[in-house]
Amino acid sequence: MKTQGKRKTPHGTTAAGTEAKHVHLPMTPTTVEVVALHCHRRRQDSVSQQEDTGAGETVESGVIRL
């Protein structure tokens, strides 16, 4: 499950970035922020389900993404 979550986060960010670029440059940060928020919510759910090293890893990954 850890791998799935990690893979989903970068994929979503990449897709959002591409879409934002197609629309306009100023929209990129907004889209990224929205995606980050969504990912953060999903991460919180994951943390609630598996309270272990996975949670720490996910948080670190999120920090690096931002």
PDB file of N, CA and C in Angstrom:
ATOM      1  N   MET A   1       0.843  -1.206   0.000  1.00  0.00           N
ATOM      2  CA  MET A   1       0.000   0.000   0.000  1.00  0.00           C
ATOM      3  C   MET A   1       0.879   1.256   0.000  1.00  0.00           C
ATOM      4  N   LYS A   2       2.013   1.152   0.692  1.00  0.00           N
ATOM      5  CA  LYS A   2       2.899   2.313   0.732  1.00  0.00           C
ATOM      6  C   LYS A   2       3.328   2.703  -0.686  1.00  0.00           C
ATOM      7  N   THR A   3       3.736   1.716  -1.465  1.00  0.00           N
ATOM      8  CA  THR A   3       4.193   2.001  -2.822  1.00  0.00           C
ATOM      9  C   THR A   3       3.074   2.624  -3.639  1.00  0.00           C
ATOM     10  N   GLN A   4       1.864   2.079  -3.540  1.00  0.00           N
ATOM     11  CA  GLN A   4       0.744   2.623  -4.314  1.00  0.00           C
ATOM     12  C   GLN A   4       0.552   4.102  -4.001  1.00  0.00           C
ATOM     13  N   GLY A   5       0.516   4.440  -2.721  1.00  0.00           N
ATOM     14  CA  GLY A   5       0.317   5.837  -2.336  1.00  0.00           C
ATOM     15  C   GLY A   5       1.411   6.719  -2.900  1.00  0.00           C
ATOM     16  N   LYS A   6       2.667   6.281  -2.762  1.00  0.00           N
ATOM     17  CA  LYS A   6       3.778   7.093  -3.258  1.00  0.00           C
ATOM     18  C   LYS A   6       3.671   7.277  -4.771  1.00  0.00           C
ATOM     19  N   ARG A   7       3.291   6.229  -5.481  1.00  0.00           N
ATOM     20  CA  ARG A   7       3.208   6.335  -6.937  1.00  0.00           C
ATOM     21  C   ARG A   7       2.048   7.230  -7.344  1.00  0.00           C
ATOM     22  N   LYS A   8       0.946   7.145  -6.632  1.00  0.00           N
ATOM     23  CA  LYS A   8      -0.231   7.946  -6.993  1.00  0.00           C
ATOM     24  C   LYS A   8       0.064   9.441  -6.819  1.00  0.00           C
ATOM     25  N   THR A   9       0.733   9.820  -5.744  1.00  0.00           N
ATOM     26  CA  THR A   9       0.992  11.235  -5.484  1.00  0.00           C
ATOM     27  C   THR A   9       1.761  11.894  -6.632  1.00  0.00           C
ATOM     28  N   PRO A  10       2.936  11.362  -7.020  1.00  0.00           N
ATOM     29  CA  PRO A  10       3.679  12.008  -8.108  1.00  0.00           C
ATOM     30  C   PRO A  10       2.881  12.012  -9.406  1.00  0.00           C
ATOM     31  N   HIS A  11       2.175  10.914  -9.690  1.00  0.00           N
ATOM     32  CA  HIS A  11       1.386  10.849 -10.920  1.00  0.00           C
ATOM     33  C   HIS A  11       0.380  12.003 -10.953  1.00  0.00           C
ATOM     34  N   GLY A  12      -0.375  12.151  -9.854  1.00  0.00           N
ATOM     35  CA  GLY A  12      -1.384  13.208  -9.811  1.00  0.00           C
ATOM     36  C   GLY A  12      -0.741  14.580 -10.003  1.00  0.00           C
ATOM     37  N   THR A  13       0.378  14.820  -9.302  1.00  0.00           N
ATOM     38  CA  THR A  13       1.037  16.115  -9.416  1.00  0.00           C
ATOM     39  C   THR A  13       1.460  16.367 -10.860  1.00  0.00           C
ATOM     40  N   THR A  14       2.056  15.359 -11.482  1.00  0.00           N
ATOM     41  CA  THR A  14       2.509  15.526 -12.864  1.00  0.00           C
ATOM     42  C   THR A  14       1.332  15.860 -13.767  1.00  0.00           C
ATOM     43  N   ALA A  15       0.245  15.096 -13.642  1.00  0.00           N
ATOM     44  CA  ALA A  15      -0.923  15.334 -14.490  1.00  0.00           C
ATOM     45  C   ALA A  15      -1.433  16.760 -14.275  1.00  0.00           C
ATOM     46  N   ALA A  16      -1.545  17.172 -13.022  1.00  0.00           N
ATOM     47  CA  ALA A  16      -2.047  18.511 -12.727  1.00  0.00           C
ATOM     48  C   ALA A  16      -1.114  19.558 -13.349  1.00  0.00           C
ATOM     49  N   GLY A  17       0.188  19.364 -13.187  1.00  0.00           N
ATOM     50  CA  GLY A  17       1.139  20.321 -13.746  1.00  0.00           C
ATOM     51  C   GLY A  17       0.972  20.449 -15.246  1.00  0.00           C
ATOM     52  N   THR A  18       0.838  19.310 -15.930  1.00  0.00           N
ATOM     53  CA  THR A  18       0.662  19.348 -17.386  1.00  0.00           C
ATOM     54  C   THR A  18      -0.612  20.109 -17.745  1.00  0.00           C
ATOM     55  N   GLU A  19      -1.704  19.769 -17.072  1.00  0.00           N
ATOM     56  CA  GLU A  19      -2.973  20.445 -17.366  1.00  0.00           C
ATOM     57  C   GLU A  19      -2.834  21.951 -17.129  1.00  0.00           C
ATOM     58  N   ALA A  20      -2.246  22.309 -16.003  1.00  0.00           N
ATOM     59  CA  ALA A  20      -2.104  23.727 -15.672  1.00  0.00           C
ATOM     60  C   ALA A  20      -1.278  24.424 -16.758  1.00  0.00           C
ATOM     61  N   LYS A  21      -0.191  23.798 -17.185  1.00  0.00           N
ATOM     62  CA  LYS A  21       0.651  24.416 -18.209  1.00  0.00           C
ATOM     63  C   LYS A  21      -0.158  24.647 -19.481  1.00  0.00           C
ATOM     64  N   HIS A  22      -0.993  23.671 -19.816  1.00  0.00           N
ATOM     65  CA  HIS A  22      -1.820  23.827 -21.022  1.00  0.00           C
ATOM     66  C   HIS A  22      -2.748  25.035 -20.871  1.00  0.00           C
ATOM     67  N   VAL A  23      -3.303  25.211 -19.672  1.00  0.00           N
ATOM     68  CA  VAL A  23      -4.230  26.326 -19.457  1.00  0.00           C
ATOM     69  C   VAL A  23      -3.454  27.643 -19.419  1.00  0.00           C
ATOM     70  N   HIS A  24      -2.554  27.778 -18.439  1.00  0.00           N
ATOM     71  CA  HIS A  24      -1.775  29.013 -18.293  1.00  0.00           C
ATOM     72  C   HIS A  24      -0.714  28.822 -17.226  1.00  0.00           C
ATOM     73  N   LEU A  25       0.304  29.658 -17.219  1.00  0.00           N
ATOM     74  CA  LEU A  25       1.368  29.533 -16.222  1.00  0.00           C
ATOM     75  C   LEU A  25       0.896  29.913 -14.817  1.00  0.00           C
ATOM     76  N   PRO A  26       0.206  31.065 -14.657  1.00  0.00           N
ATOM     77  CA  PRO A  26      -0.219  31.471 -13.311  1.00  0.00           C
ATOM     78  C   PRO A  26      -1.094  30.424 -12.631  1.00  0.00           C
ATOM     79  N   MET A  27      -1.802  29.609 -13.421  1.00  0.00           N
ATOM     80  CA  MET A  27      -2.704  28.632 -12.814  1.00  0.00           C
ATOM     81  C   MET A  27      -1.933  27.450 -12.217  1.00  0.00           C
ATOM     82  N   THR A  28      -0.679  27.266 -12.616  1.00  0.00           N
ATOM     83  CA  THR A  28       0.090  26.103 -12.148  1.00  0.00           C
ATOM     84  C   THR A  28       0.125  26.020 -10.619  1.00  0.00           C
ATOM     85  N   PRO A  29       0.541  27.081  -9.918  1.00  0.00           N
ATOM     86  CA  PRO A  29       0.628  26.989  -8.448  1.00  0.00           C
ATOM     87  C   PRO A  29      -0.719  26.612  -7.820  1.00  0.00           C
ATOM     88  N   THR A  30      -1.789  27.231  -8.301  1.00  0.00           N
ATOM     89  CA  THR A  30      -3.106  26.949  -7.726  1.00  0.00           C
ATOM     90  C   THR A  30      -3.433  25.472  -7.867  1.00  0.00           C
ATOM     91  N   THR A  31      -3.251  24.939  -9.071  1.00  0.00           N
ATOM     92  CA  THR A  31      -3.564  23.528  -9.295  1.00  0.00           C
ATOM     93  C   THR A  31      -2.702  22.658  -8.399  1.00  0.00           C
ATOM     94  N   VAL A  32      -1.421  22.970  -8.329  1.00  0.00           N
ATOM     95  CA  VAL A  32      -0.524  22.170  -7.498  1.00  0.00           C
ATOM     96  C   VAL A  32      -0.998  22.197  -6.050  1.00  0.00           C
ATOM     97  N   GLU A  33      -1.355  23.382  -5.562  1.00  0.00           N
ATOM     98  CA  GLU A  33      -1.820  23.494  -4.180  1.00  0.00           C
ATOM     99  C   GLU A  33      -3.059  22.633  -3.960  1.00  0.00           C
ATOM    100  N   VAL A  34      -3.998  22.710  -4.892  1.00  0.00           N
ATOM    101  CA  VAL A  34      -5.227  21.913  -4.760  1.00  0.00           C
ATOM    102  C   VAL A  34      -4.879  20.433  -4.705  1.00  0.00           C
ATOM    103  N   VAL A  35      -4.008  20.006  -5.624  1.00  0.00           N
ATOM    104  CA  VAL A  35      -3.612  18.597  -5.649  1.00  0.00           C
ATOM    105  C   VAL A  35      -2.949  18.234  -4.328  1.00  0.00           C
ATOM    106  N   ALA A  36      -2.068  19.117  -3.840  1.00  0.00           N
ATOM    107  CA  ALA A  36      -1.383  18.841  -2.575  1.00  0.00           C
ATOM    108  C   ALA A  36      -2.401  18.660  -1.454  1.00  0.00           C
ATOM    109  N   LEU A  37      -3.408  19.528  -1.430  1.00  0.00           N
ATOM    110  CA  LEU A  37      -4.439  19.411  -0.396  1.00  0.00           C
ATOM    111  C   LEU A  37      -5.132  18.065  -0.495  1.00  0.00           C
ATOM    112  N   HIS A  38      -5.526  17.683  -1.704  1.00  0.00           N
ATOM    113  CA  HIS A  38      -6.199  16.395  -1.899  1.00  0.00           C
ATOM    114  C   HIS A  38      -5.286  15.262  -1.435  1.00  0.00           C
ATOM    115  N   CYS A  39      -4.024  15.319  -1.847  1.00  0.00           N
ATOM    116  CA  CYS A  39      -3.080  14.265  -1.454  1.00  0.00           C
ATOM    117  C   CYS A  39      -2.947  14.242   0.066  1.00  0.00           C
ATOM    118  N   HIS A  40      -2.871  15.430   0.683  1.00  0.00           N
ATOM    119  CA  HIS A  40      -2.732  15.505   2.133  1.00  0.00           C
ATOM    120  C   HIS A  40      -3.905  14.807   2.813  1.00  0.00           C
ATOM    121  N   ARG A  41      -5.115  15.067   2.324  1.00  0.00           N
ATOM    122  CA  ARG A  41      -6.293  14.425   2.908  1.00  0.00           C
ATOM    123  C   ARG A  41      -6.188  12.923   2.781  1.00  0.00           C
ATOM    124  N   ARG A  42      -5.802  12.459   1.593  1.00  0.00           N
ATOM    125  CA  ARG A  42      -5.656  11.017   1.382  1.00  0.00           C
ATOM    126  C   ARG A  42      -4.595  10.464   2.312  1.00  0.00           C
ATOM    127  N   ARG A  43      -3.501  11.184   2.472  1.00  0.00           N
ATOM    128  CA  ARG A  43      -2.428  10.714   3.357  1.00  0.00           C
ATOM    129  C   ARG A  43      -2.956  10.575   4.782  1.00  0.00           C
ATOM    130  N   GLN A  44      -3.718  11.563   5.234  1.00  0.00           N
ATOM    131  CA  GLN A  44      -4.270  11.479   6.589  1.00  0.00           C
ATOM    132  C   GLN A  44      -5.087  10.212   6.749  1.00  0.00           C
ATOM    133  N   ASP A  45      -5.904   9.878   5.742  1.00  0.00           N
ATOM    134  CA  ASP A  45      -6.691   8.646   5.800  1.00  0.00           C
ATOM    135  C   ASP A  45      -5.757   7.451   5.914  1.00  0.00           C
ATOM    136  N   SER A  46      -4.715   7.429   5.083  1.00  0.00           N
ATOM    137  CA  SER A  46      -3.765   6.319   5.124  1.00  0.00           C
ATOM    138  C   SER A  46      -3.134   6.219   6.507  1.00  0.00           C
ATOM    139  N   VAL A  47      -2.761   7.369   7.064  1.00  0.00           N
ATOM    140  CA  VAL A  47      -2.137   7.363   8.388  1.00  0.00           C
ATOM    141  C   VAL A  47      -3.092   6.764   9.413  1.00  0.00           C
ATOM    142  N   SER A  48      -4.369   7.125   9.328  1.00  0.00           N
ATOM    143  CA  SER A  48      -5.347   6.592  10.278  1.00  0.00           C
ATOM    144  C   SER A  48      -5.432   5.080  10.149  1.00  0.00           C
ATOM    145  N   GLN A  49      -5.369   4.584   8.918  1.00  0.00           N
ATOM    146  CA  GLN A  49      -5.481   3.139   8.702  1.00  0.00           C
ATOM    147  C   GLN A  49      -4.224   2.425   9.178  1.00  0.00           C
ATOM    148  N   GLN A  50      -3.059   2.884   8.760  1.00  0.00           N
ATOM    149  CA  GLN A  50      -1.815   2.219   9.150  1.00  0.00           C
ATOM    150  C   GLN A  50      -0.913   3.204   9.900  1.00  0.00           C
ATOM    151  N   GLU A  51      -0.986   3.176  11.213  1.00  0.00           N
ATOM    152  CA  GLU A  51      -0.138   4.061  12.019  1.00  0.00           C
ATOM    153  C   GLU A  51       1.212   3.386  12.219  1.00  0.00           C
ATOM    154  N   ASP A  52       2.136   3.635  11.277  1.00  0.00           N
ATOM    155  CA  ASP A  52       3.451   2.997  11.335  1.00  0.00           C
ATOM    156  C   ASP A  52       4.471   3.871  10.618  1.00  0.00           C
ATOM    157  N   THR A  53       5.616   3.270  10.236  1.00  0.00           N
ATOM    158  CA  THR A  53       6.644   4.035   9.534  1.00  0.00           C
ATOM    159  C   THR A  53       6.076   4.596   8.236  1.00  0.00           C
ATOM    160  N   GLY A  54       5.081   3.932   7.676  1.00  0.00           N
ATOM    161  CA  GLY A  54       4.473   4.402   6.430  1.00  0.00           C
ATOM    162  C   GLY A  54       4.033   5.850   6.566  1.00  0.00           C
ATOM    163  N   ALA A  55       3.403   6.191   7.700  1.00  0.00           N
ATOM    164  CA  ALA A  55       2.929   7.557   7.897  1.00  0.00           C
ATOM    165  C   ALA A  55       4.108   8.527   7.812  1.00  0.00           C
ATOM    166  N   GLY A  56       5.206   8.228   8.514  1.00  0.00           N
ATOM    167  CA  GLY A  56       6.373   9.107   8.497  1.00  0.00           C
ATOM    168  C   GLY A  56       6.907   9.277   7.086  1.00  0.00           C
ATOM    169  N   GLU A  57       7.007   8.162   6.374  1.00  0.00           N
ATOM    170  CA  GLU A  57       7.524   8.232   5.009  1.00  0.00           C
ATOM    171  C   GLU A  57       6.626   9.116   4.139  1.00  0.00           C
ATOM    172  N   THR A  58       5.320   8.915   4.264  1.00  0.00           N
ATOM    173  CA  THR A  58       4.396   9.698   3.443  1.00  0.00           C
ATOM    174  C   THR A  58       4.564  11.184   3.749  1.00  0.00           C
ATOM    175  N   VAL A  59       4.644  11.534   5.020  1.00  0.00           N
ATOM    176  CA  VAL A  59       4.776  12.949   5.397  1.00  0.00           C
ATOM    177  C   VAL A  59       6.057  13.516   4.778  1.00  0.00           C
ATOM    178  N   GLU A  60       7.173  12.768   4.902  1.00  0.00           N
ATOM    179  CA  GLU A  60       8.426  13.250   4.323  1.00  0.00           C
ATOM    180  C   GLU A  60       8.269  13.475   2.825  1.00  0.00           C
ATOM    181  N   SER A  61       7.641  12.511   2.157  1.00  0.00           N
ATOM    182  CA  SER A  61       7.458  12.637   0.715  1.00  0.00           C
ATOM    183  C   SER A  61       6.660  13.904   0.415  1.00  0.00           C
ATOM    184  N   GLY A  62       5.596  14.147   1.200  1.00  0.00           N
ATOM    185  CA  GLY A  62       4.779  15.335   0.981  1.00  0.00           C
ATOM    186  C   GLY A  62       5.613  16.604   1.112  1.00  0.00           C
ATOM    187  N   VAL A  63       6.449  16.658   2.141  1.00  0.00           N
ATOM    188  CA  VAL A  63       7.274  17.846   2.352  1.00  0.00           C
ATOM    189  C   VAL A  63       8.166  18.073   1.144  1.00  0.00           C
ATOM    190  N   ILE A  64       8.782  17.002   0.645  1.00  0.00           N
ATOM    191  CA  ILE A  64       9.673  17.142  -0.513  1.00  0.00           C
ATOM    192  C   ILE A  64       8.867  17.616  -1.720  1.00  0.00           C
ATOM    193  N   ARG A  65       7.661  17.065  -1.905  1.00  0.00           N
ATOM    194  CA  ARG A  65       6.844  17.451  -3.059  1.00  0.00           C
ATOM    195  C   ARG A  65       6.568  18.953  -3.012  1.00  0.00           C
ATOM    196  N   LEU A  66       6.198  19.450  -1.817  1.00  0.00           N
ATOM    197  CA  LEU A  66       5.879  20.872  -1.699  1.00  0.00           C
ATOM    198  C   LEU A  66       7.162  21.660  -1.860  1.00  0.00           C
TER     199      LEU A  66
END
